[in-house]
Amino acid sequence: MFEFAALSYGLLASIILSAAQRNRKLARPHPPLLLYMGYLLCGLSGGLALALGYLALTIAGLA
């Protein structure tokens, strides 16, 4: 299950970043769905980082 989640996350990040880079290179505005998915990816990354950091501190006995 973890492999599927990691592969999906990586694929989504690759598609979003390449589309944003192409739009910026062509000086076009980003579509609303691309912005939404980018913010979703950013929030997911931040939330996962906080959750894993808290888990690491809990396991180490510091939290």
PDB file of N, CA and C in Angstrom:
ATOM      1  N   MET A   1       0.820  -1.191   0.000  1.00  0.00           N
ATOM      2  CA  MET A   1       0.000   0.000   0.000  1.00  0.00           C
ATOM      3  C   MET A   1       0.872   1.266   0.000  1.00  0.00           C
ATOM      4  N   PHE A   2       1.962   1.232   0.764  1.00  0.00           N
ATOM      5  CA  PHE A   2       2.845   2.393   0.818  1.00  0.00           C
ATOM      6  C   PHE A   2       3.457   2.690  -0.544  1.00  0.00           C
ATOM      7  N   GLU A   3       3.815   1.631  -1.267  1.00  0.00           N
ATOM      8  CA  GLU A   3       4.427   1.814  -2.581  1.00  0.00           C
ATOM      9  C   GLU A   3       3.472   2.518  -3.534  1.00  0.00           C
ATOM     10  N   PHE A   4       2.201   2.128  -3.483  1.00  0.00           N
ATOM     11  CA  PHE A   4       1.199   2.758  -4.340  1.00  0.00           C
ATOM     12  C   PHE A   4       1.039   4.235  -4.000  1.00  0.00           C
ATOM     13  N   ALA A   5       1.013   4.558  -2.709  1.00  0.00           N
ATOM     14  CA  ALA A   5       0.865   5.949  -2.288  1.00  0.00           C
ATOM     15  C   ALA A   5       2.083   6.774  -2.705  1.00  0.00           C
ATOM     16  N   ALA A   6       3.268   6.215  -2.546  1.00  0.00           N
ATOM     17  CA  ALA A   6       4.483   6.943  -2.924  1.00  0.00           C
ATOM     18  C   ALA A   6       4.553   7.150  -4.429  1.00  0.00           C
ATOM     19  N   LEU A   7       4.175   6.143  -5.191  1.00  0.00           N
ATOM     20  CA  LEU A   7       4.177   6.263  -6.644  1.00  0.00           C
ATOM     21  C   LEU A   7       3.143   7.287  -7.109  1.00  0.00           C
ATOM     22  N   SER A   8       1.960   7.261  -6.515  1.00  0.00           N
ATOM     23  CA  SER A   8       0.906   8.227  -6.881  1.00  0.00           C
ATOM     24  C   SER A   8       1.328   9.655  -6.547  1.00  0.00           C
ATOM     25  N   TYR A   9       1.921   9.843  -5.374  1.00  0.00           N
ATOM     26  CA  TYR A   9       2.381  11.162  -4.953  1.00  0.00           C
ATOM     27  C   TYR A   9       3.461  11.682  -5.893  1.00  0.00           C
ATOM     28  N   GLY A  10       4.407  10.826  -6.233  1.00  0.00           N
ATOM     29  CA  GLY A  10       5.484  11.224  -7.137  1.00  0.00           C
ATOM     30  C   GLY A  10       4.974  11.558  -8.523  1.00  0.00           C
ATOM     31  N   LEU A  11       4.043  10.778  -9.030  1.00  0.00           N
ATOM     32  CA  LEU A  11       3.471  11.037 -10.339  1.00  0.00           C
ATOM     33  C   LEU A  11       2.695  12.353 -10.336  1.00  0.00           C
ATOM     34  N   LEU A  12       1.901  12.577  -9.303  1.00  0.00           N
ATOM     35  CA  LEU A  12       1.134  13.819  -9.194  1.00  0.00           C
ATOM     36  C   LEU A  12       2.062  15.026  -9.101  1.00  0.00           C
ATOM     37  N   ALA A  13       3.106  14.926  -8.315  1.00  0.00           N
ATOM     38  CA  ALA A  13       4.058  16.033  -8.185  1.00  0.00           C
ATOM     39  C   ALA A  13       4.752  16.312  -9.511  1.00  0.00           C
ATOM     40  N   SER A  14       5.132  15.271 -10.217  1.00  0.00           N
ATOM     41  CA  SER A  14       5.803  15.439 -11.503  1.00  0.00           C
ATOM     42  C   SER A  14       4.905  16.127 -12.524  1.00  0.00           C
ATOM     43  N   ILE A  15       3.661  15.707 -12.601  1.00  0.00           N
ATOM     44  CA  ILE A  15       2.723  16.297 -13.564  1.00  0.00           C
ATOM     45  C   ILE A  15       2.453  17.760 -13.235  1.00  0.00           C
ATOM     46  N   ILE A  16       2.209  18.051 -11.970  1.00  0.00           N
ATOM     47  CA  ILE A  16       1.885  19.424 -11.569  1.00  0.00           C
ATOM     48  C   ILE A  16       3.070  20.354 -11.804  1.00  0.00           C
ATOM     49  N   LEU A  17       4.256  19.929 -11.412  1.00  0.00           N
ATOM     50  CA  LEU A  17       5.425  20.801 -11.571  1.00  0.00           C
ATOM     51  C   LEU A  17       5.798  21.005 -13.036  1.00  0.00           C
ATOM     52  N   SER A  18       5.667  19.970 -13.859  1.00  0.00           N
ATOM     53  CA  SER A  18       6.000  20.143 -15.278  1.00  0.00           C
ATOM     54  C   SER A  18       4.971  21.022 -15.981  1.00  0.00           C
ATOM     55  N   ALA A  19       3.698  20.905 -15.621  1.00  0.00           N
ATOM     56  CA  ALA A  19       2.677  21.754 -16.221  1.00  0.00           C
ATOM     57  C   ALA A  19       2.860  23.212 -15.795  1.00  0.00           C
ATOM     58  N   ALA A  20       3.178  23.431 -14.528  1.00  0.00           N
ATOM     59  CA  ALA A  20       3.400  24.797 -14.054  1.00  0.00           C
ATOM     60  C   ALA A  20       4.623  25.417 -14.716  1.00  0.00           C
ATOM     61  N   GLN A  21       5.669  24.625 -14.895  1.00  0.00           N
ATOM     62  CA  GLN A  21       6.881  25.131 -15.549  1.00  0.00           C
ATOM     63  C   GLN A  21       6.600  25.472 -17.012  1.00  0.00           C
ATOM     64  N   ARG A  22       5.831  24.623 -17.693  1.00  0.00           N
ATOM     65  CA  ARG A  22       5.501  24.887 -19.094  1.00  0.00           C
ATOM     66  C   ARG A  22       4.650  26.152 -19.225  1.00  0.00           C
ATOM     67  N   ASN A  23       3.682  26.313 -18.333  1.00  0.00           N
ATOM     68  CA  ASN A  23       2.833  27.514 -18.382  1.00  0.00           C
ATOM     69  C   ASN A  23       3.651  28.774 -18.106  1.00  0.00           C
ATOM     70  N   ARG A  24       4.585  28.680 -17.178  1.00  0.00           N
ATOM     71  CA  ARG A  24       5.406  29.854 -16.872  1.00  0.00           C
ATOM     72  C   ARG A  24       6.322  30.188 -18.047  1.00  0.00           C
ATOM     73  N   LYS A  25       6.850  29.162 -18.697  1.00  0.00           N
ATOM     74  CA  LYS A  25       7.722  29.379 -19.837  1.00  0.00           C
ATOM     75  C   LYS A  25       6.968  30.021 -21.000  1.00  0.00           C
ATOM     76  N   LEU A  26       5.699  29.635 -21.193  1.00  0.00           N
ATOM     77  CA  LEU A  26       4.880  30.204 -22.260  1.00  0.00           C
ATOM     78  C   LEU A  26       4.162  31.483 -21.836  1.00  0.00           C
ATOM     79  N   ALA A  27       4.370  31.930 -20.608  1.00  0.00           N
ATOM     80  CA  ALA A  27       3.758  33.138 -20.042  1.00  0.00           C
ATOM     81  C   ALA A  27       2.237  33.065 -20.109  1.00  0.00           C
ATOM     82  N   ARG A  28       1.701  31.890 -19.768  1.00  0.00           N
ATOM     83  CA  ARG A  28       0.249  31.707 -19.719  1.00  0.00           C
ATOM     84  C   ARG A  28      -0.186  31.568 -18.268  1.00  0.00           C
ATOM     85  N   PRO A  29      -1.409  31.981 -17.972  1.00  0.00           N
ATOM     86  CA  PRO A  29      -1.909  31.785 -16.600  1.00  0.00           C
ATOM     87  C   PRO A  29      -2.194  30.304 -16.340  1.00  0.00           C
ATOM     88  N   HIS A  30      -2.058  29.907 -15.098  1.00  0.00           N
ATOM     89  CA  HIS A  30      -2.325  28.522 -14.734  1.00  0.00           C
ATOM     90  C   HIS A  30      -3.835  28.285 -14.661  1.00  0.00           C
ATOM     91  N   PRO A  31      -4.300  27.127 -15.117  1.00  0.00           N
ATOM     92  CA  PRO A  31      -5.721  26.800 -14.959  1.00  0.00           C
ATOM     93  C   PRO A  31      -6.066  26.630 -13.473  1.00  0.00           C
ATOM     94  N   PRO A  32      -7.307  26.895 -13.102  1.00  0.00           N
ATOM     95  CA  PRO A  32      -7.691  26.783 -11.689  1.00  0.00           C
ATOM     96  C   PRO A  32      -7.472  25.377 -11.115  1.00  0.00           C
ATOM     97  N   LEU A  33      -7.695  24.339 -11.910  1.00  0.00           N
ATOM     98  CA  LEU A  33      -7.488  22.981 -11.413  1.00  0.00           C
ATOM     99  C   LEU A  33      -6.019  22.729 -11.092  1.00  0.00           C
ATOM    100  N   LEU A  34      -5.125  23.266 -11.898  1.00  0.00           N
ATOM    101  CA  LEU A  34      -3.693  23.110 -11.644  1.00  0.00           C
ATOM    102  C   LEU A  34      -3.310  23.813 -10.342  1.00  0.00           C
ATOM    103  N   LEU A  35      -3.844  24.993 -10.110  1.00  0.00           N
ATOM    104  CA  LEU A  35      -3.569  25.706  -8.856  1.00  0.00           C
ATOM    105  C   LEU A  35      -4.116  24.931  -7.661  1.00  0.00           C
ATOM    106  N   TYR A  36      -5.333  24.406  -7.804  1.00  0.00           N
ATOM    107  CA  TYR A  36      -5.937  23.640  -6.718  1.00  0.00           C
ATOM    108  C   TYR A  36      -5.105  22.406  -6.398  1.00  0.00           C
ATOM    109  N   MET A  37      -4.694  21.675  -7.415  1.00  0.00           N
ATOM    110  CA  MET A  37      -3.904  20.476  -7.191  1.00  0.00           C
ATOM    111  C   MET A  37      -2.524  20.819  -6.611  1.00  0.00           C
ATOM    112  N   GLY A  38      -1.952  21.949  -7.024  1.00  0.00           N
ATOM    113  CA  GLY A  38      -0.678  22.385  -6.458  1.00  0.00           C
ATOM    114  C   GLY A  38      -0.792  22.714  -4.983  1.00  0.00           C
ATOM    115  N   TYR A  39      -1.850  23.427  -4.610  1.00  0.00           N
ATOM    116  CA  TYR A  39      -2.059  23.733  -3.190  1.00  0.00           C
ATOM    117  C   TYR A  39      -2.363  22.468  -2.394  1.00  0.00           C
ATOM    118  N   LEU A  40      -3.084  21.540  -3.002  1.00  0.00           N
ATOM    119  CA  LEU A  40      -3.371  20.273  -2.339  1.00  0.00           C
ATOM    120  C   LEU A  40      -2.080  19.499  -2.089  1.00  0.00           C
ATOM    121  N   LEU A  41      -1.213  19.461  -3.075  1.00  0.00           N
ATOM    122  CA  LEU A  41       0.068  18.769  -2.934  1.00  0.00           C
ATOM    123  C   LEU A  41       0.939  19.438  -1.872  1.00  0.00           C
ATOM    124  N   CYS A  42       0.943  20.756  -1.850  1.00  0.00           N
ATOM    125  CA  CYS A  42       1.725  21.495  -0.853  1.00  0.00           C
ATOM    126  C   CYS A  42       1.188  21.232   0.557  1.00  0.00           C
ATOM    127  N   GLY A  43      -0.111  21.255   0.714  1.00  0.00           N
ATOM    128  CA  GLY A  43      -0.716  20.986   2.020  1.00  0.00           C
ATOM    129  C   GLY A  43      -0.486  19.560   2.472  1.00  0.00           C
ATOM    130  N   LEU A  44      -0.585  18.636   1.532  1.00  0.00           N
ATOM    131  CA  LEU A  44      -0.344  17.234   1.851  1.00  0.00           C
ATOM    132  C   LEU A  44       1.100  17.019   2.283  1.00  0.00           C
ATOM    133  N   SER A  45       2.021  17.657   1.604  1.00  0.00           N
ATOM    134  CA  SER A  45       3.439  17.537   1.953  1.00  0.00           C
ATOM    135  C   SER A  45       3.702  18.104   3.344  1.00  0.00           C
ATOM    136  N   GLY A  46       3.162  19.280   3.614  1.00  0.00           N
ATOM    137  CA  GLY A  46       3.354  19.899   4.932  1.00  0.00           C
ATOM    138  C   GLY A  46       2.721  19.099   6.052  1.00  0.00           C
ATOM    139  N   GLY A  47       1.507  18.631   5.833  1.00  0.00           N
ATOM    140  CA  GLY A  47       0.820  17.829   6.846  1.00  0.00           C
ATOM    141  C   GLY A  47       1.526  16.522   7.124  1.00  0.00           C
ATOM    142  N   LEU A  48       1.995  15.888   6.072  1.00  0.00           N
ATOM    143  CA  LEU A  48       2.722  14.637   6.249  1.00  0.00           C
ATOM    144  C   LEU A  48       4.041  14.866   6.976  1.00  0.00           C
ATOM    145  N   ALA A  49       4.714  15.965   6.670  1.00  0.00           N
ATOM    146  CA  ALA A  49       5.978  16.276   7.349  1.00  0.00           C
ATOM    147  C   ALA A  49       5.745  16.518   8.843  1.00  0.00           C
ATOM    148  N   LEU A  50       4.680  17.239   9.176  1.00  0.00           N
ATOM    149  CA  LEU A  50       4.376  17.479  10.596  1.00  0.00           C
ATOM    150  C   LEU A  50       4.008  16.181  11.311  1.00  0.00           C
ATOM    151  N   ALA A  51       3.188  15.361  10.662  1.00  0.00           N
ATOM    152  CA  ALA A  51       2.774  14.103  11.281  1.00  0.00           C
ATOM    153  C   ALA A  51       3.962  13.168  11.495  1.00  0.00           C
ATOM    154  N   LEU A  52       4.832  13.058  10.508  1.00  0.00           N
ATOM    155  CA  LEU A  52       5.985  12.179  10.663  1.00  0.00           C
ATOM    156  C   LEU A  52       6.988  12.726  11.674  1.00  0.00           C
ATOM    157  N   GLY A  53       7.125  14.051  11.737  1.00  0.00           N
ATOM    158  CA  GLY A  53       7.991  14.649  12.747  1.00  0.00           C
ATOM    159  C   GLY A  53       7.481  14.396  14.153  1.00  0.00           C
ATOM    160  N   TYR A  54       6.165  14.518  14.342  1.00  0.00           N
ATOM    161  CA  TYR A  54       5.576  14.244  15.651  1.00  0.00           C
ATOM    162  C   TYR A  54       5.733  12.772  16.011  1.00  0.00           C
ATOM    163  N   LEU A  55       5.552  11.899  15.033  1.00  0.00           N
ATOM    164  CA  LEU A  55       5.718  10.468  15.271  1.00  0.00           C
ATOM    165  C   LEU A  55       7.155  10.150  15.678  1.00  0.00           C
ATOM    166  N   ALA A  56       8.111  10.771  15.017  1.00  0.00           N
ATOM    167  CA  ALA A  56       9.521  10.542  15.354  1.00  0.00           C
ATOM    168  C   ALA A  56       9.824  11.020  16.767  1.00  0.00           C
ATOM    169  N   LEU A  57       9.283  12.199  17.127  1.00  0.00           N
ATOM    170  CA  LEU A  57       9.507  12.698  18.490  1.00  0.00           C
ATOM    171  C   LEU A  57       8.839  11.821  19.529  1.00  0.00           C
ATOM    172  N   THR A  58       7.671  11.299  19.194  1.00  0.00           N
ATOM    173  CA  THR A  58       6.966  10.424  20.128  1.00  0.00           C
ATOM    174  C   THR A  58       7.728   9.125  20.346  1.00  0.00           C
ATOM    175  N   ILE A  59       8.229   8.561  19.272  1.00  0.00           N
ATOM    176  CA  ILE A  59       8.985   7.316  19.393  1.00  0.00           C
ATOM    177  C   ILE A  59      10.277   7.551  20.174  1.00  0.00           C
ATOM    178  N   ALA A  60      10.906   8.703  19.959  1.00  0.00           N
ATOM    179  CA  ALA A  60      12.141   9.006  20.681  1.00  0.00           C
ATOM    180  C   ALA A  60      11.892   9.362  22.136  1.00  0.00           C
ATOM    181  N   GLY A  61      10.640   9.593  22.512  1.00  0.00           N
ATOM    182  CA  GLY A  61      10.311   9.901  23.900  1.00  0.00           C
ATOM    183  C   GLY A  61      10.467  11.367  24.240  1.00  0.00           C
ATOM    184  N   LEU A  62      10.522  12.233  23.245  1.00  0.00           N
ATOM    185  CA  LEU A  62      10.718  13.662  23.500  1.00  0.00           C
ATOM    186  C   LEU A  62       9.411  14.437  23.504  1.00  0.00           C
ATOM    187  N   ALA A  63       8.323  13.816  23.067  1.00  0.00           N
ATOM    188  CA  ALA A  63       7.050  14.548  23.009  1.00  0.00           C
ATOM    189  C   ALA A  63       6.019  13.868  23.900  1.00  0.00           C
TER     190      ALA A  63
END
